[in-house]
C-alpha atoms as a PDB file:
ATOM      1  CA  MET A   1       3.003  72.248  40.605  1.00  0.00           C
ATOM      2  CA  MET A   2       5.939  71.237  38.412  1.00  0.00           C
ATOM      3  CA  ARG A   3       4.665  67.633  38.343  1.00  0.00           C
ATOM      4  CA  LYS A   4       1.282  68.862  37.048  1.00  0.00           C
ATOM      5  CA  VAL A   5       2.961  70.988  34.392  1.00  0.00           C
ATOM      6  CA  MET A   6       5.116  68.044  33.311  1.00  0.00           C
ATOM      7  CA  SER A   7       2.094  65.730  33.210  1.00  0.00           C
ATOM      8  CA  PHE A   8       0.210  68.189  31.006  1.00  0.00           C
ATOM      9  CA  PHE A   9       3.242  68.496  28.704  1.00  0.00           C
ATOM     10  CA  ILE A  10       3.636  64.711  28.373  1.00  0.00           C
ATOM     11  CA  TYR A  11      -0.041  64.112  27.630  1.00  0.00           C
ATOM     12  CA  ALA A  12      -0.064  66.928  25.069  1.00  0.00           C
ATOM     13  CA  LEU A  13       3.078  65.465  23.482  1.00  0.00           C
ATOM     14  CA  PHE A  14       1.513  62.000  23.322  1.00  0.00           C
ATOM     15  CA  GLY A  15      -1.723  63.333  21.852  1.00  0.00           C
ATOM     16  CA  VAL A  16      -0.175  65.481  19.129  1.00  0.00           C
ATOM     17  CA  SER A  17       2.331  62.805  18.149  1.00  0.00           C
ATOM     18  CA  ALA A  18      -0.425  60.149  17.938  1.00  0.00           C
ATOM     19  CA  LEU A  19      -2.262  62.365  15.445  1.00  0.00           C
ATOM     20  CA  VAL A  20       0.920  62.579  13.356  1.00  0.00           C
ATOM     21  CA  LEU A  21       1.701  58.869  13.708  1.00  0.00           C
ATOM     22  CA  PHE A  22      -1.748  57.579  12.750  1.00  0.00           C
ATOM     23  CA  PRO A  23      -1.625  58.342   8.986  1.00  0.00           C
ATOM     24  CA  LEU A  24       1.974  57.079   8.781  1.00  0.00           C
ATOM     25  CA  MET A  25       0.959  53.830  10.473  1.00  0.00           C
ATOM     26  CA  ALA A  26      -2.050  53.454   8.181  1.00  0.00           C
ATOM     27  CA  LEU A  27       0.111  53.939   5.082  1.00  0.00           C
ATOM     28  CA  THR A  28       2.777  51.513   6.330  1.00  0.00           C
ATOM     29  CA  ALA A  29       0.164  48.890   7.239  1.00  0.00           C
ATOM     30  CA  LEU A  30      -1.446  49.240   3.789  1.00  0.00           C
ATOM     31  CA  VAL A  31       1.855  48.978   1.886  1.00  0.00           C
ATOM     32  CA  CYS A  32       2.977  46.009   4.014  1.00  0.00           C
ATOM     33  CA  CYS A  33      -0.408  44.234   4.144  1.00  0.00           C
ATOM     34  CA  TRP A  34       1.270  41.082   2.761  1.00  0.00           C
ATOM     35  CA  ASP A  35       3.332  40.691   5.963  1.00  0.00           C
ATOM     36  CA  ARG A  36       1.241  38.810   8.537  1.00  0.00           C
ATOM     37  CA  THR A  37       3.792  39.509  11.286  1.00  0.00           C
ATOM     38  CA  ARG A  38       3.262  43.291  10.827  1.00  0.00           C
ATOM     39  CA  ARG A  39       7.007  43.717  11.255  1.00  0.00           C
ATOM     40  CA  TYR A  40       7.261  47.109   9.547  1.00  0.00           C
ATOM     41  CA  PRO A  41       4.354  48.869  11.303  1.00  0.00           C
ATOM     42  CA  GLY A  42       5.759  47.522  14.583  1.00  0.00           C
ATOM     43  CA  ARG A  43       9.189  48.863  13.716  1.00  0.00           C
ATOM     44  CA  LEU A  44       7.707  52.268  12.997  1.00  0.00           C
ATOM     45  CA  ILE A  45       5.913  52.469  16.340  1.00  0.00           C
ATOM     46  CA  ARG A  46       9.071  51.391  18.170  1.00  0.00           C
ATOM     47  CA  ARG A  47      11.023  54.207  16.523  1.00  0.00           C
ATOM     48  CA  TYR A  48       8.176  56.566  17.373  1.00  0.00           C
ATOM     49  CA  GLY A  49       8.349  55.491  21.013  1.00  0.00           C
ATOM     50  CA  ARG A  50      12.112  56.044  21.149  1.00  0.00           C
ATOM     51  CA  MET A  51      11.830  59.465  19.553  1.00  0.00           C
ATOM     52  CA  LEU A  52       8.950  60.463  21.807  1.00  0.00           C
ATOM     53  CA  THR A  53      10.762  59.611  25.035  1.00  0.00           C
ATOM     54  CA  ARG A  54      13.731  61.760  23.993  1.00  0.00           C
ATOM     55  CA  PHE A  55      11.426  64.779  24.289  1.00  0.00           C
ATOM     56  CA  VAL A  56      10.537  63.938  27.901  1.00  0.00           C
ATOM     57  CA  PRO A  57      13.325  65.661  29.861  1.00  0.00           C
ATOM     58  CA  THR A  58      12.681  63.757  33.105  1.00  0.00           C
ATOM     59  CA  TRP A  59      13.004  60.255  31.590  1.00  0.00           C
ATOM     60  CA  ARG A  60      16.173  58.306  30.874  1.00  0.00           C
ATOM     61  CA  PHE A  61      16.098  54.734  29.526  1.00  0.00           C
ATOM     62  CA  THR A  62      18.978  52.223  29.469  1.00  0.00           C
ATOM     63  CA  VAL A  63      19.264  48.679  28.095  1.00  0.00           C
ATOM     64  CA  GLU A  64      21.665  46.230  29.751  1.00  0.00           C
ATOM     65  CA  GLY A  65      22.717  42.861  28.369  1.00  0.00           C
ATOM     66  CA  GLU A  66      22.818  41.369  24.888  1.00  0.00           C
ATOM     67  CA  ALA A  67      19.908  40.105  22.827  1.00  0.00           C
ATOM     68  CA  PRO A  68      20.218  36.613  21.302  1.00  0.00           C
ATOM     69  CA  ALA A  69      22.035  36.819  17.962  1.00  0.00           C
ATOM     70  CA  ASP A  70      19.134  35.183  16.097  1.00  0.00           C
ATOM     71  CA  ILE A  71      16.269  37.192  17.591  1.00  0.00           C
ATOM     72  CA  ASP A  72      15.602  39.002  14.298  1.00  0.00           C
ATOM     73  CA  ARG A  73      14.811  35.723  12.550  1.00  0.00           C
ATOM     74  CA  LYS A  74      13.607  33.368  15.279  1.00  0.00           C
ATOM     75  CA  GLY A  75      10.525  33.372  17.477  1.00  0.00           C
ATOM     76  CA  TYR A  76      11.094  33.837  21.227  1.00  0.00           C
ATOM     77  CA  VAL A  77       8.519  34.072  23.989  1.00  0.00           C
ATOM     78  CA  VAL A  78       9.678  37.299  25.644  1.00  0.00           C
ATOM     79  CA  ILE A  79       8.461  37.821  29.208  1.00  0.00           C
ATOM     80  CA  ALA A  80       8.959  40.681  31.676  1.00  0.00           C
ATOM     81  CA  ASN A  81       7.723  41.994  34.992  1.00  0.00           C
ATOM     82  CA  HIS A  82       5.092  44.733  34.701  1.00  0.00           C
ATOM     83  CA  GLU A  83       5.758  47.880  36.754  1.00  0.00           C
ATOM     84  CA  SER A  84       3.616  50.533  35.061  1.00  0.00           C
ATOM     85  CA  THR A  85       2.138  51.868  31.825  1.00  0.00           C
ATOM     86  CA  GLY A  86       5.604  53.326  31.275  1.00  0.00           C
ATOM     87  CA  ASP A  87       6.849  49.793  30.486  1.00  0.00           C
ATOM     88  CA  ILE A  88       5.372  50.183  27.010  1.00  0.00           C
ATOM     89  CA  PHE A  89       7.627  53.148  26.287  1.00  0.00           C
ATOM     90  CA  LEU A  90      10.616  51.612  28.061  1.00  0.00           C
ATOM     91  CA  LEU A  91      10.420  48.481  25.887  1.00  0.00           C
ATOM     92  CA  THR A  92      10.622  50.543  22.682  1.00  0.00           C
ATOM     93  CA  ALA A  93      14.311  50.960  23.573  1.00  0.00           C
ATOM     94  CA  LEU A  94      14.893  47.325  22.551  1.00  0.00           C
ATOM     95  CA  SER A  95      16.378  46.744  19.116  1.00  0.00           C
ATOM     96  CA  TRP A  96      14.188  43.889  17.877  1.00  0.00           C
ATOM     97  CA  ASP A  97      10.640  43.536  16.549  1.00  0.00           C
ATOM     98  CA  MET A  98       7.914  41.876  18.610  1.00  0.00           C
ATOM     99  CA  ARG A  99       4.171  41.387  18.589  1.00  0.00           C
ATOM    100  CA  TRP A 100       2.566  42.103  21.944  1.00  0.00           C
ATOM    101  CA  VAL A 101      -0.266  40.427  23.776  1.00  0.00           C
ATOM    102  CA  ALA A 102      -2.416  43.325  25.015  1.00  0.00           C
ATOM    103  CA  LYS A 103      -5.689  43.528  26.894  1.00  0.00           C
ATOM    104  CA  VAL A 104      -8.567  44.186  24.514  1.00  0.00           C
ATOM    105  CA  GLU A 105      -9.540  47.382  26.376  1.00  0.00           C
ATOM    106  CA  LEU A 106      -6.397  49.052  25.004  1.00  0.00           C
ATOM    107  CA  MET A 107      -7.487  48.182  21.465  1.00  0.00           C
ATOM    108  CA  ARG A 108     -10.669  50.209  21.995  1.00  0.00           C
ATOM    109  CA  LEU A 109      -8.935  53.482  22.844  1.00  0.00           C
ATOM    110  CA  PRO A 110      -9.238  56.226  20.206  1.00  0.00           C
ATOM    111  CA  LEU A 111      -6.199  56.395  17.911  1.00  0.00           C
ATOM    112  CA  ILE A 112      -4.011  54.305  20.215  1.00  0.00           C
ATOM    113  CA  GLY A 113      -6.249  51.276  19.758  1.00  0.00           C
ATOM    114  CA  GLN A 114      -6.223  51.581  15.968  1.00  0.00           C
ATOM    115  CA  ILE A 115      -2.438  51.935  16.004  1.00  0.00           C
ATOM    116  CA  LEU A 116      -2.099  48.747  18.065  1.00  0.00           C
ATOM    117  CA  TRP A 117      -4.343  46.876  15.613  1.00  0.00           C
ATOM    118  CA  MET A 118      -2.235  48.088  12.676  1.00  0.00           C
ATOM    119  CA  CYS A 119       0.901  46.854  14.484  1.00  0.00           C
ATOM    120  CA  GLY A 120      -0.645  43.397  14.647  1.00  0.00           C
ATOM    121  CA  ASP A 121      -0.662  43.292  18.435  1.00  0.00           C
ATOM    122  CA  ILE A 122      -2.684  40.387  19.767  1.00  0.00           C
ATOM    123  CA  PRO A 123      -5.807  41.184  21.826  1.00  0.00           C
ATOM    124  CA  LEU A 124      -6.778  39.289  24.951  1.00  0.00           C
ATOM    125  CA  ARG A 125      -9.990  39.578  26.934  1.00  0.00           C
ATOM    126  CA  ARG A 126      -9.088  38.376  30.410  1.00  0.00           C
ATOM    127  CA  GLY A 127     -11.464  35.785  31.813  1.00  0.00           C
ATOM    128  CA  ASP A 128     -12.732  34.806  28.337  1.00  0.00           C
ATOM    129  CA  ARG A 129     -11.668  31.283  27.387  1.00  0.00           C
ATOM    130  CA  GLN A 130     -12.353  31.722  23.668  1.00  0.00           C
ATOM    131  CA  SER A 131     -10.290  34.902  23.639  1.00  0.00           C
ATOM    132  CA  VAL A 132      -7.400  33.011  25.273  1.00  0.00           C
ATOM    133  CA  LEU A 133      -7.589  30.274  22.627  1.00  0.00           C
ATOM    134  CA  ARG A 134      -7.606  32.838  19.783  1.00  0.00           C
ATOM    135  CA  MET A 135      -4.680  34.653  21.390  1.00  0.00           C
ATOM    136  CA  LEU A 136      -2.644  31.442  21.675  1.00  0.00           C
ATOM    137  CA  GLU A 137      -3.277  30.542  18.040  1.00  0.00           C
ATOM    138  CA  ALA A 138      -2.185  34.021  16.913  1.00  0.00           C
ATOM    139  CA  CYS A 139       0.951  33.678  19.064  1.00  0.00           C
ATOM    140  CA  ARG A 140       1.758  30.254  17.580  1.00  0.00           C
ATOM    141  CA  ASP A 141       1.418  31.642  14.050  1.00  0.00           C
ATOM    142  CA  THR A 142       3.647  34.598  14.925  1.00  0.00           C
ATOM    143  CA  LEU A 143       6.358  32.371  16.413  1.00  0.00           C
ATOM    144  CA  ARG A 144       6.244  30.028  13.391  1.00  0.00           C
ATOM    145  CA  ARG A 145       6.939  33.052  11.198  1.00  0.00           C
ATOM    146  CA  GLY A 146      10.081  33.913  13.166  1.00  0.00           C
ATOM    147  CA  MET A 147       8.697  36.850  15.171  1.00  0.00           C
ATOM    148  CA  PRO A 148       9.041  37.073  18.970  1.00  0.00           C
ATOM    149  CA  VAL A 149       5.922  37.489  21.122  1.00  0.00           C
ATOM    150  CA  MET A 150       5.878  39.770  24.183  1.00  0.00           C
ATOM    151  CA  ILE A 151       3.826  38.730  27.233  1.00  0.00           C
ATOM    152  CA  PHE A 152       3.590  40.091  30.791  1.00  0.00           C
ATOM    153  CA  PRO A 153       3.086  36.825  32.727  1.00  0.00           C
ATOM    154  CA  GLU A 154       1.955  38.594  35.911  1.00  0.00           C
ATOM    155  CA  GLY A 155      -1.187  39.552  34.008  1.00  0.00           C
ATOM    156  CA  THR A 156      -1.455  42.976  35.673  1.00  0.00           C
ATOM    157  CA  ARG A 157       0.555  45.495  37.655  1.00  0.00           C
ATOM    158  CA  ALA A 158       1.073  45.583  41.417  1.00  0.00           C
ATOM    159  CA  LYS A 159       0.614  49.033  42.989  1.00  0.00           C
ATOM    160  CA  ASP A 160       3.718  48.634  45.134  1.00  0.00           C
ATOM    161  CA  GLY A 161       5.910  47.144  42.379  1.00  0.00           C
ATOM    162  CA  THR A 162       6.033  43.720  44.040  1.00  0.00           C
ATOM    163  CA  LEU A 163       6.697  40.888  41.613  1.00  0.00           C
ATOM    164  CA  ARG A 164       3.442  38.928  41.405  1.00  0.00           C
ATOM    165  CA  PRO A 165       3.138  35.182  40.669  1.00  0.00           C
ATOM    166  CA  PHE A 166       3.561  34.286  36.988  1.00  0.00           C
ATOM    167  CA  LYS A 167       0.620  32.735  35.157  1.00  0.00           C
ATOM    168  CA  ASP A 168       1.109  29.680  32.946  1.00  0.00           C
ATOM    169  CA  GLY A 169       0.116  30.876  29.468  1.00  0.00           C
ATOM    170  CA  ALA A 170       3.467  32.181  28.215  1.00  0.00           C
ATOM    171  CA  PHE A 171       5.234  29.006  29.324  1.00  0.00           C
ATOM    172  CA  GLN A 172       2.602  26.688  27.838  1.00  0.00           C
ATOM    173  CA  LEU A 173       3.107  28.517  24.562  1.00  0.00           C
ATOM    174  CA  ALA A 174       6.906  28.193  24.734  1.00  0.00           C
ATOM    175  CA  ILE A 175       6.834  24.457  25.473  1.00  0.00           C
ATOM    176  CA  GLU A 176       4.254  23.747  22.805  1.00  0.00           C
ATOM    177  CA  THR A 177       6.146  25.588  20.061  1.00  0.00           C
ATOM    178  CA  GLY A 178       9.665  24.775  21.259  1.00  0.00           C
ATOM    179  CA  ALA A 179      10.435  28.511  21.469  1.00  0.00           C
ATOM    180  CA  SER A 180      12.976  29.684  24.020  1.00  0.00           C
ATOM    181  CA  VAL A 181      11.791  31.949  26.832  1.00  0.00           C
ATOM    182  CA  LEU A 182      13.641  35.279  26.941  1.00  0.00           C
ATOM    183  CA  PRO A 183      13.223  36.935  30.370  1.00  0.00           C
ATOM    184  CA  LEU A 184      13.581  40.689  30.841  1.00  0.00           C
ATOM    185  CA  ALA A 185      13.779  42.610  34.128  1.00  0.00           C
ATOM    186  CA  LEU A 186      12.300  46.141  34.078  1.00  0.00           C
ATOM    187  CA  SER A 187      13.107  48.656  36.789  1.00  0.00           C
ATOM    188  CA  GLY A 188      12.320  52.346  37.277  1.00  0.00           C
ATOM    189  CA  SER A 189       9.278  52.731  35.036  1.00  0.00           C
ATOM    190  CA  ARG A 190       7.049  53.106  38.112  1.00  0.00           C
ATOM    191  CA  GLN A 191       8.878  56.344  38.861  1.00  0.00           C
ATOM    192  CA  CYS A 192       8.502  57.457  35.218  1.00  0.00           C
ATOM    193  CA  TRP A 193       4.793  56.746  35.191  1.00  0.00           C
ATOM    194  CA  GLY A 194       3.169  55.708  38.460  1.00  0.00           C
ATOM    195  CA  HIS A 195       0.120  53.554  39.085  1.00  0.00           C
ATOM    196  CA  SER A 196      -2.002  56.675  38.678  1.00  0.00           C
ATOM    197  CA  GLU A 197      -2.288  57.480  34.970  1.00  0.00           C
ATOM    198  CA  PHE A 198      -1.572  61.154  35.826  1.00  0.00           C
ATOM    199  CA  SER A 199       1.521  60.512  37.922  1.00  0.00           C
ATOM    200  CA  PHE A 200       4.668  61.307  35.939  1.00  0.00           C
ATOM    201  CA  GLY A 201       8.050  61.656  37.584  1.00  0.00           C
ATOM    202  CA  ARG A 202      11.795  61.894  37.086  1.00  0.00           C
ATOM    203  CA  ALA A 203      13.502  58.525  36.745  1.00  0.00           C
ATOM    204  CA  HIS A 204      16.189  56.415  35.132  1.00  0.00           C
ATOM    205  CA  ALA A 205      14.419  53.246  33.951  1.00  0.00           C
ATOM    206  CA  ARG A 206      16.380  50.175  32.915  1.00  0.00           C
ATOM    207  CA  ILE A 207      15.849  46.926  31.045  1.00  0.00           C
ATOM    208  CA  ARG A 208      18.138  43.991  31.731  1.00  0.00           C
ATOM    209  CA  ILE A 209      18.112  41.280  29.054  1.00  0.00           C
ATOM    210  CA  LEU A 210      18.645  37.902  30.719  1.00  0.00           C
ATOM    211  CA  GLU A 211      19.846  34.589  29.327  1.00  0.00           C
ATOM    212  CA  PRO A 212      17.246  32.739  27.235  1.00  0.00           C
ATOM    213  CA  ILE A 213      15.798  29.518  28.630  1.00  0.00           C
ATOM    214  CA  PRO A 214      15.563  26.795  25.937  1.00  0.00           C
ATOM    215  CA  THR A 215      12.478  24.588  26.035  1.00  0.00           C
ATOM    216  CA  GLY A 216      13.533  21.826  23.640  1.00  0.00           C
ATOM    217  CA  GLY A 217      12.667  18.422  25.064  1.00  0.00           C
ATOM    218  CA  MET A 218      10.273  19.792  27.683  1.00  0.00           C
ATOM    219  CA  THR A 219       6.745  18.515  28.276  1.00  0.00           C
ATOM    220  CA  MET A 220       3.813  20.108  30.049  1.00  0.00           C
ATOM    221  CA  ASP A 221       4.995  18.328  33.211  1.00  0.00           C
ATOM    222  CA  ASP A 222       7.983  20.691  33.128  1.00  0.00           C
ATOM    223  CA  LEU A 223       5.833  23.830  32.953  1.00  0.00           C
ATOM    224  CA  PRO A 224       5.907  24.682  36.696  1.00  0.00           C
ATOM    225  CA  ALA A 225       9.705  24.393  36.792  1.00  0.00           C
ATOM    226  CA  LEU A 226      10.056  26.549  33.657  1.00  0.00           C
ATOM    227  CA  ARG A 227       7.671  29.188  34.992  1.00  0.00           C
ATOM    228  CA  ASP A 228       9.354  29.281  38.406  1.00  0.00           C
ATOM    229  CA  GLU A 229      12.852  29.437  36.941  1.00  0.00           C
ATOM    230  CA  ALA A 230      11.895  32.354  34.678  1.00  0.00           C
ATOM    231  CA  ARG A 231      10.359  34.186  37.625  1.00  0.00           C
ATOM    232  CA  ARG A 232      13.404  33.459  39.812  1.00  0.00           C
ATOM    233  CA  ARG A 233      15.746  34.962  37.212  1.00  0.00           C
ATOM    234  CA  VAL A 234      13.600  38.073  36.832  1.00  0.00           C
ATOM    235  CA  GLU A 235      13.339  38.454  40.616  1.00  0.00           C
ATOM    236  CA  VAL A 236      17.106  38.184  41.126  1.00  0.00           C
ATOM    237  CA  ALA A 237      17.827  40.728  38.365  1.00  0.00           C
ATOM    238  CA  LEU A 238      15.096  43.044  39.615  1.00  0.00           C
ATOM    239  CA  LYS A 239      16.561  43.127  43.119  1.00  0.00           C
ATOM    240  CA  GLU A 240      19.987  43.892  41.678  1.00  0.00           C
ATOM    241  CA  LEU A 241      18.600  46.712  39.537  1.00  0.00           C
ATOM    242  CA  ARG A 242      16.763  48.169  42.520  1.00  0.00           C
ATOM    243  CA  GLY A 243      19.846  47.876  44.730  1.00  0.00           C
ATOM    244  CA  GLU A 244      18.205  45.450  47.111  1.00  0.00           C
ATOM    245  CA  GLY A 245      20.108  42.698  48.874  1.00  0.00           C
ATOM    246  CA  VAL A 246      19.789  39.384  47.051  1.00  0.00           C
ATOM    247  CA  SER A 247      21.019  35.867  47.529  1.00  0.00           C
ATOM    248  CA  ALA A 248      20.724  34.099  44.203  1.00  0.00           C
ATOM    249  CA  MET A 249      19.880  30.415  44.089  1.00  0.00           C
ATOM    250  CA  PRO A 250      23.037  28.422  43.263  1.00  0.00           C
ATOM    251  CA  GLU A 251      23.105  27.130  39.715  1.00  0.00           C
ATOM    252  CA  GLY A 252      22.780  23.549  40.875  1.00  0.00           C
ATOM    253  CA  GLU A 253      19.518  24.401  42.659  1.00  0.00           C
ATOM    254  CA  SER A 254      17.853  25.917  39.607  1.00  0.00           C
ATOM    255  CA  ALA A 255      14.215  24.973  39.284  1.00  0.00           C
ATOM    256  CA  LEU A 256      15.057  23.527  35.868  1.00  0.00           C
ATOM    257  CA  ALA A 257      17.885  21.285  37.001  1.00  0.00           C
ATOM    258  CA  GLY A 258      17.424  17.846  35.463  1.00  0.00           C
ATOM    259  CA  VAL A 259      14.414  18.750  33.310  1.00  0.00           C
ATOM    260  CA  VAL A 260      14.131  16.417  30.318  1.00  0.00           C
ATOM    261  CA  GLY A 261      11.369  15.190  28.046  1.00  0.00           C
ATOM    262  CA  THR A 262       9.720  15.628  24.681  1.00  0.00           C
ATOM    263  CA  ALA A 263       7.579  18.610  23.701  1.00  0.00           C
ATOM    264  CA  VAL A 264       3.882  17.871  23.346  1.00  0.00           C
ATOM    265  CA  PRO A 265       0.905  20.044  22.321  1.00  0.00           C
ATOM    266  CA  VAL A 266      -0.925  22.040  24.957  1.00  0.00           C
ATOM    267  CA  ALA A 267      -4.102  20.304  26.004  1.00  0.00           C
ATOM    268  CA  SER A 268      -7.084  22.627  26.058  1.00  0.00           C
ATOM    269  CA  GLU A 269      -7.703  21.694  29.693  1.00  0.00           C
ATOM    270  CA  ALA A 270      -4.344  23.215  30.600  1.00  0.00           C
ATOM    271  CA  LEU A 271      -5.726  26.646  29.726  1.00  0.00           C
ATOM    272  CA  GLU A 272      -8.299  26.585  32.498  1.00  0.00           C
ATOM    273  CA  ASP A 273      -7.693  28.353  35.756  1.00  0.00           C
ATOM    274  CA  LYS A 274      -8.573  26.072  38.664  1.00  0.00           C
ATOM    275  CA  ASN A 275     -10.482  28.769  40.502  1.00  0.00           C
ATOM    276  CA  SER A 276     -12.411  30.448  37.692  1.00  0.00           C
ATOM    277  CA  GLY A 277     -12.410  27.899  34.880  1.00  0.00           C
ATOM    278  CA  THR A 278     -11.280  30.586  32.448  1.00  0.00           C
ATOM    279  CA  GLY A 279      -8.188  30.973  30.310  1.00  0.00           C
ATOM    280  CA  THR A 280      -5.311  32.777  31.909  1.00  0.00           C
ATOM    281  CA  LEU A 281      -1.891  34.078  31.031  1.00  0.00           C
END
C-alpha cells in the first residue's frame, strides 16, 4: 500500500513540476537560441532534476570520484551502464553539462518530449540507419563545440540489472573525433525506479566517475579493445558498488595495452550491424 501511495506522490510531483518547468525552459531556450550546444537549458533541467529528487523522501543519490578538470570546456564521450529510468534523475547529480542521445520515442511524450528538444538532446530511432547518421553528426558538432555527449552503450536496460554487451557507436564517435571516453558506473537506480514504470522504491543510488580513456592515436582497428576496456572498467566498478566479489584484470592485461595508431574517420560501413544491416549504438 505504501509503495502505491509513494508512486502516486512521485508521479504527481513529476507532473506538476513539468508544468512549472515548461515555460521556464521555453524562455531559457528562446533567450539562449544563439547557443547551439543548448548549455543553459540543459543546466536548468539538471538543477530541476536535483531539486525534484530532494522531494522524494525514499531516494538518496551520491557521486563518487572526480570529474576531469577540463570537462566544462572540452568534449568527452560519456558512457554508463543503464539500470532503469531512474538513471536520468541520478545523472542530474553530476556537476557538468552534457547533451544526451535519447530514443526518439521519448521526444514524442507530452511536455517531457518538448523539454528534451529544448535541451538540445539528440534523438535516435533505433534500427534506422539515417537516424544513426544524423545522430552521429549532431554528436560530432557537439563535441567540436566543447560539450560532452552522454550515451548508454548497452542500448537498452536489462530487467535483472546484468551488464549487457556494449555497442560500437559511442567508441566509433570517440575515435573519430579524438575525444576521450569517460566511463561512469551507476548502481542502485533499479531500486529507486524498477523495470516497471510504476515500481518506485527506497534506495541509495550511486554514480562512480572512472578514469577517462584517451583515444588519441587510435584507429578503427582499436575500437574493439577500446569498447571492451570501457566495459571492463564499468563492470569492475559496478561489482564493487554492489558489494559483489570481483577480481580486477591486472593493469598489464588491460584490453588497451599496446594500442597505438592514428585516428581516422569512421567509414559509413562501420555503422552497420552485421545481423540487421542497421545503425547501432
